[in-house]
C-alpha atoms as a PDB file:
ATOM      1  CA  MET A   1     118.614 142.084 108.138  1.00  0.00           C
ATOM      2  CA  ALA A   2     120.682 143.156 111.133  1.00  0.00           C
ATOM      3  CA  LYS A   3     121.339 140.772 113.994  1.00  0.00           C
ATOM      4  CA  ASP A   4     120.367 141.785 117.504  1.00  0.00           C
ATOM      5  CA  LEU A   5     123.165 142.825 119.850  1.00  0.00           C
ATOM      6  CA  TYR A   6     122.876 139.534 121.806  1.00  0.00           C
ATOM      7  CA  HIS A   7     122.079 137.200 118.891  1.00  0.00           C
ATOM      8  CA  ASP A   8     125.351 135.266 118.913  1.00  0.00           C
ATOM      9  CA  LEU A   9     125.416 134.980 122.706  1.00  0.00           C
ATOM     10  CA  VAL A  10     121.864 133.592 122.828  1.00  0.00           C
ATOM     11  CA  LYS A  11     122.782 131.111 120.102  1.00  0.00           C
ATOM     12  CA  GLU A  12     125.799 129.953 122.160  1.00  0.00           C
ATOM     13  CA  LEU A  13     123.687 129.689 125.323  1.00  0.00           C
ATOM     14  CA  LEU A  14     121.044 127.573 123.579  1.00  0.00           C
ATOM     15  CA  ILE A  15     123.708 125.213 122.226  1.00  0.00           C
ATOM     16  CA  ALA A  16     125.257 124.945 125.709  1.00  0.00           C
ATOM     17  CA  ASP A  17     121.770 124.132 127.062  1.00  0.00           C
ATOM     18  CA  GLY A  18     121.466 121.154 124.710  1.00  0.00           C
ATOM     19  CA  TRP A  19     119.608 122.735 121.790  1.00  0.00           C
ATOM     20  CA  THR A  20     120.529 122.210 118.149  1.00  0.00           C
ATOM     21  CA  ILE A  21     120.263 125.388 116.093  1.00  0.00           C
ATOM     22  CA  THR A  22     118.351 124.409 112.963  1.00  0.00           C
ATOM     23  CA  HIS A  23     117.786 127.864 111.476  1.00  0.00           C
ATOM     24  CA  ASP A  24     119.690 131.138 111.724  1.00  0.00           C
ATOM     25  CA  PRO A  25     117.462 132.952 110.909  1.00  0.00           C
ATOM     26  CA  LEU A  26     114.169 131.034 110.889  1.00  0.00           C
ATOM     27  CA  LEU A  27     112.068 131.889 107.831  1.00  0.00           C
ATOM     28  CA  LEU A  28     108.380 132.329 108.630  1.00  0.00           C
ATOM     29  CA  SER A  29     106.395 132.814 105.445  1.00  0.00           C
ATOM     30  CA  PHE A  30     102.716 133.087 104.699  1.00  0.00           C
ATOM     31  CA  GLY A  31     101.522 133.628 101.158  1.00  0.00           C
ATOM     32  CA  VAL A  32     103.999 135.962  99.503  1.00  0.00           C
ATOM     33  CA  ARG A  33     105.073 137.577 102.801  1.00  0.00           C
ATOM     34  CA  LYS A  34     108.292 136.573 104.528  1.00  0.00           C
ATOM     35  CA  VAL A  35     109.506 137.451 108.008  1.00  0.00           C
ATOM     36  CA  TYR A  36     112.394 136.052 109.994  1.00  0.00           C
ATOM     37  CA  ALA A  37     112.630 135.067 113.636  1.00  0.00           C
ATOM     38  CA  ASP A  38     116.206 135.163 114.871  1.00  0.00           C
ATOM     39  CA  LEU A  39     116.671 131.455 115.573  1.00  0.00           C
ATOM     40  CA  GLY A  40     115.020 128.085 115.187  1.00  0.00           C
ATOM     41  CA  ALA A  41     116.157 125.277 117.469  1.00  0.00           C
ATOM     42  CA  GLU A  42     115.189 121.784 118.503  1.00  0.00           C
ATOM     43  CA  ARG A  43     116.117 119.312 121.186  1.00  0.00           C
ATOM     44  CA  ILE A  44     115.447 115.610 121.373  1.00  0.00           C
ATOM     45  CA  ILE A  45     113.568 114.756 124.562  1.00  0.00           C
ATOM     46  CA  ALA A  46     114.431 111.169 125.445  1.00  0.00           C
ATOM     47  CA  ALA A  47     111.808 110.802 128.173  1.00  0.00           C
ATOM     48  CA  GLU A  48     109.049 111.883 125.787  1.00  0.00           C
ATOM     49  CA  LYS A  49     110.559 110.079 122.781  1.00  0.00           C
ATOM     50  CA  GLY A  50     109.998 113.134 120.719  1.00  0.00           C
ATOM     51  CA  GLU A  51     111.421 116.493 119.990  1.00  0.00           C
ATOM     52  CA  LYS A  52     110.786 120.001 121.170  1.00  0.00           C
ATOM     53  CA  LYS A  53     111.037 122.853 118.658  1.00  0.00           C
ATOM     54  CA  ILE A  54     111.321 126.530 119.435  1.00  0.00           C
ATOM     55  CA  ALA A  55     111.530 129.813 117.571  1.00  0.00           C
ATOM     56  CA  VAL A  56     113.520 132.509 119.324  1.00  0.00           C
ATOM     57  CA  GLU A  57     113.338 136.254 118.831  1.00  0.00           C
ATOM     58  CA  VAL A  58     116.261 137.977 120.564  1.00  0.00           C
ATOM     59  CA  LYS A  59     115.511 141.412 121.997  1.00  0.00           C
ATOM     60  CA  SER A  60     117.976 143.875 123.542  1.00  0.00           C
ATOM     61  CA  PHE A  61     115.607 146.647 124.657  1.00  0.00           C
ATOM     62  CA  VAL A  62     118.397 149.233 124.514  1.00  0.00           C
ATOM     63  CA  GLY A  63     116.435 152.009 122.757  1.00  0.00           C
ATOM     64  CA  LEU A  64     115.542 155.364 124.250  1.00  0.00           C
ATOM     65  CA  SER A  65     112.182 154.041 125.449  1.00  0.00           C
ATOM     66  CA  ALA A  66     111.556 150.552 126.811  1.00  0.00           C
ATOM     67  CA  ILE A  67     107.859 150.984 125.977  1.00  0.00           C
ATOM     68  CA  GLU A  68     108.607 151.775 122.324  1.00  0.00           C
ATOM     69  CA  ASP A  69     110.911 148.754 122.169  1.00  0.00           C
ATOM     70  CA  LEU A  70     108.128 146.658 123.708  1.00  0.00           C
ATOM     71  CA  GLU A  71     105.535 147.929 121.219  1.00  0.00           C
ATOM     72  CA  LYS A  72     107.729 146.891 118.295  1.00  0.00           C
ATOM     73  CA  ALA A  73     108.546 143.533 119.880  1.00  0.00           C
ATOM     74  CA  LEU A  74     104.865 142.774 120.527  1.00  0.00           C
ATOM     75  CA  GLY A  75     104.082 143.465 116.880  1.00  0.00           C
ATOM     76  CA  GLN A  76     106.681 140.912 115.838  1.00  0.00           C
ATOM     77  CA  TRP A  77     105.412 138.462 118.474  1.00  0.00           C
ATOM     78  CA  ARG A  78     101.856 138.609 117.133  1.00  0.00           C
ATOM     79  CA  ILE A  79     102.896 138.181 113.497  1.00  0.00           C
ATOM     80  CA  TYR A  80     105.189 135.240 114.301  1.00  0.00           C
ATOM     81  CA  LYS A  81     102.564 133.569 116.520  1.00  0.00           C
ATOM     82  CA  HIS A  82      99.908 133.786 113.788  1.00  0.00           C
ATOM     83  CA  ILE A  83     102.239 132.277 111.190  1.00  0.00           C
ATOM     84  CA  LEU A  84     103.415 129.502 113.514  1.00  0.00           C
ATOM     85  CA  LYS A  85      99.819 128.707 114.451  1.00  0.00           C
ATOM     86  CA  ARG A  86      99.067 127.993 110.794  1.00  0.00           C
ATOM     87  CA  LYS A  87     102.380 126.574 109.554  1.00  0.00           C
ATOM     88  CA  ASP A  88     104.271 124.988 112.473  1.00  0.00           C
ATOM     89  CA  LYS A  89     101.954 124.455 115.468  1.00  0.00           C
ATOM     90  CA  LYS A  90     104.483 122.415 117.415  1.00  0.00           C
ATOM     91  CA  ARG A  91     107.124 125.159 117.442  1.00  0.00           C
ATOM     92  CA  ILE A  92     106.983 127.335 120.590  1.00  0.00           C
ATOM     93  CA  LEU A  93     107.895 131.005 120.272  1.00  0.00           C
ATOM     94  CA  PHE A  94     110.176 132.619 122.860  1.00  0.00           C
ATOM     95  CA  PHE A  95     111.612 136.060 123.396  1.00  0.00           C
ATOM     96  CA  ALA A  96     115.234 135.915 124.529  1.00  0.00           C
ATOM     97  CA  LEU A  97     115.742 138.901 126.797  1.00  0.00           C
ATOM     98  CA  ARG A  98     118.626 139.911 129.024  1.00  0.00           C
ATOM     99  CA  SER A  99     117.726 139.698 132.712  1.00  0.00           C
ATOM    100  CA  GLU A 100     118.116 143.432 133.375  1.00  0.00           C
ATOM    101  CA  ALA A 101     115.628 144.326 130.621  1.00  0.00           C
ATOM    102  CA  PHE A 102     113.237 141.550 131.632  1.00  0.00           C
ATOM    103  CA  TYR A 103     113.031 142.724 135.240  1.00  0.00           C
ATOM    104  CA  GLU A 104     112.820 146.390 134.224  1.00  0.00           C
ATOM    105  CA  ILE A 105     109.845 145.785 131.928  1.00  0.00           C
ATOM    106  CA  PHE A 106     108.050 142.707 133.241  1.00  0.00           C
ATOM    107  CA  SER A 107     108.393 142.847 137.043  1.00  0.00           C
ATOM    108  CA  ASP A 108     105.446 145.134 137.808  1.00  0.00           C
ATOM    109  CA  ALA A 109     101.664 145.070 137.305  1.00  0.00           C
ATOM    110  CA  PHE A 110     101.987 146.500 133.785  1.00  0.00           C
ATOM    111  CA  GLY A 111     104.508 143.827 132.796  1.00  0.00           C
ATOM    112  CA  ASP A 112     102.387 141.070 134.357  1.00  0.00           C
ATOM    113  CA  MET A 113      99.366 142.253 132.363  1.00  0.00           C
ATOM    114  CA  ILE A 114     101.306 142.257 129.075  1.00  0.00           C
ATOM    115  CA  ARG A 115     102.861 138.836 129.776  1.00  0.00           C
ATOM    116  CA  SER A 116      99.530 137.206 130.569  1.00  0.00           C
ATOM    117  CA  GLU A 117      97.437 138.920 127.864  1.00  0.00           C
ATOM    118  CA  GLU A 118      99.956 138.178 125.127  1.00  0.00           C
ATOM    119  CA  ASN A 119     100.917 134.699 126.436  1.00  0.00           C
ATOM    120  CA  LEU A 120     104.614 135.557 126.232  1.00  0.00           C
ATOM    121  CA  ASN A 121     107.348 132.963 126.696  1.00  0.00           C
ATOM    122  CA  PHE A 122     110.830 134.057 127.727  1.00  0.00           C
ATOM    123  CA  ILE A 123     114.402 132.876 127.805  1.00  0.00           C
ATOM    124  CA  VAL A 124     115.964 135.234 130.342  1.00  0.00           C
ATOM    125  CA  PHE A 125     119.748 135.396 130.157  1.00  0.00           C
ATOM    126  CA  ASP A 126     122.583 137.183 131.931  1.00  0.00           C
ATOM    127  CA  PRO A 127     125.028 138.534 129.332  1.00  0.00           C
ATOM    128  CA  ASN A 128     127.753 139.128 131.946  1.00  0.00           C
ATOM    129  CA  LYS A 129     127.682 135.605 133.379  1.00  0.00           C
ATOM    130  CA  LYS A 130     126.872 134.198 129.914  1.00  0.00           C
ATOM    131  CA  GLU A 131     124.118 131.941 131.183  1.00  0.00           C
ATOM    132  CA  ILE A 132     120.414 131.341 130.848  1.00  0.00           C
ATOM    133  CA  VAL A 133     118.816 132.473 134.105  1.00  0.00           C
ATOM    134  CA  ARG A 134     115.207 131.341 133.561  1.00  0.00           C
ATOM    135  CA  TRP A 135     112.840 129.789 131.071  1.00  0.00           C
ATOM    136  CA  LEU A 136     109.326 131.183 131.482  1.00  0.00           C
ATOM    137  CA  ARG A 137     106.327 129.672 129.709  1.00  0.00           C
ATOM    138  CA  ALA A 138     102.977 131.409 129.456  1.00  0.00           C
ATOM    139  CA  LYS A 139      99.976 129.763 131.051  1.00  0.00           C
ATOM    140  CA  ASN A 140      97.953 129.258 127.868  1.00  0.00           C
END
């Protein structure tokens, strides 16, 4: 299983943001089938006296077609969401996407439709500045 181009950077950024990486990769299995999200992480939330858990799928979107990259990513998103819904309901799934790709794909009416219909969550990062730019949660 090959790591995404920005896998290690996203891992570093999550750690810098206060997350503990618990899985690299995160095994998501159902029956005899096994798939892997790139990262699993958690953070203790003192104000809530609990913990927040996330699964992160890192995407570069550097292929010849952003739409083809999106189609593949959405397939992974759906599979991971279905498994998490049955096996780990408290873990929230995020795509980690570099800011340039995020704005290229998700800043128009088409992107808005996909984001809202699929209930996508994003960690948007700037690979040049090596920082997380935005966390975006779906309104579900």
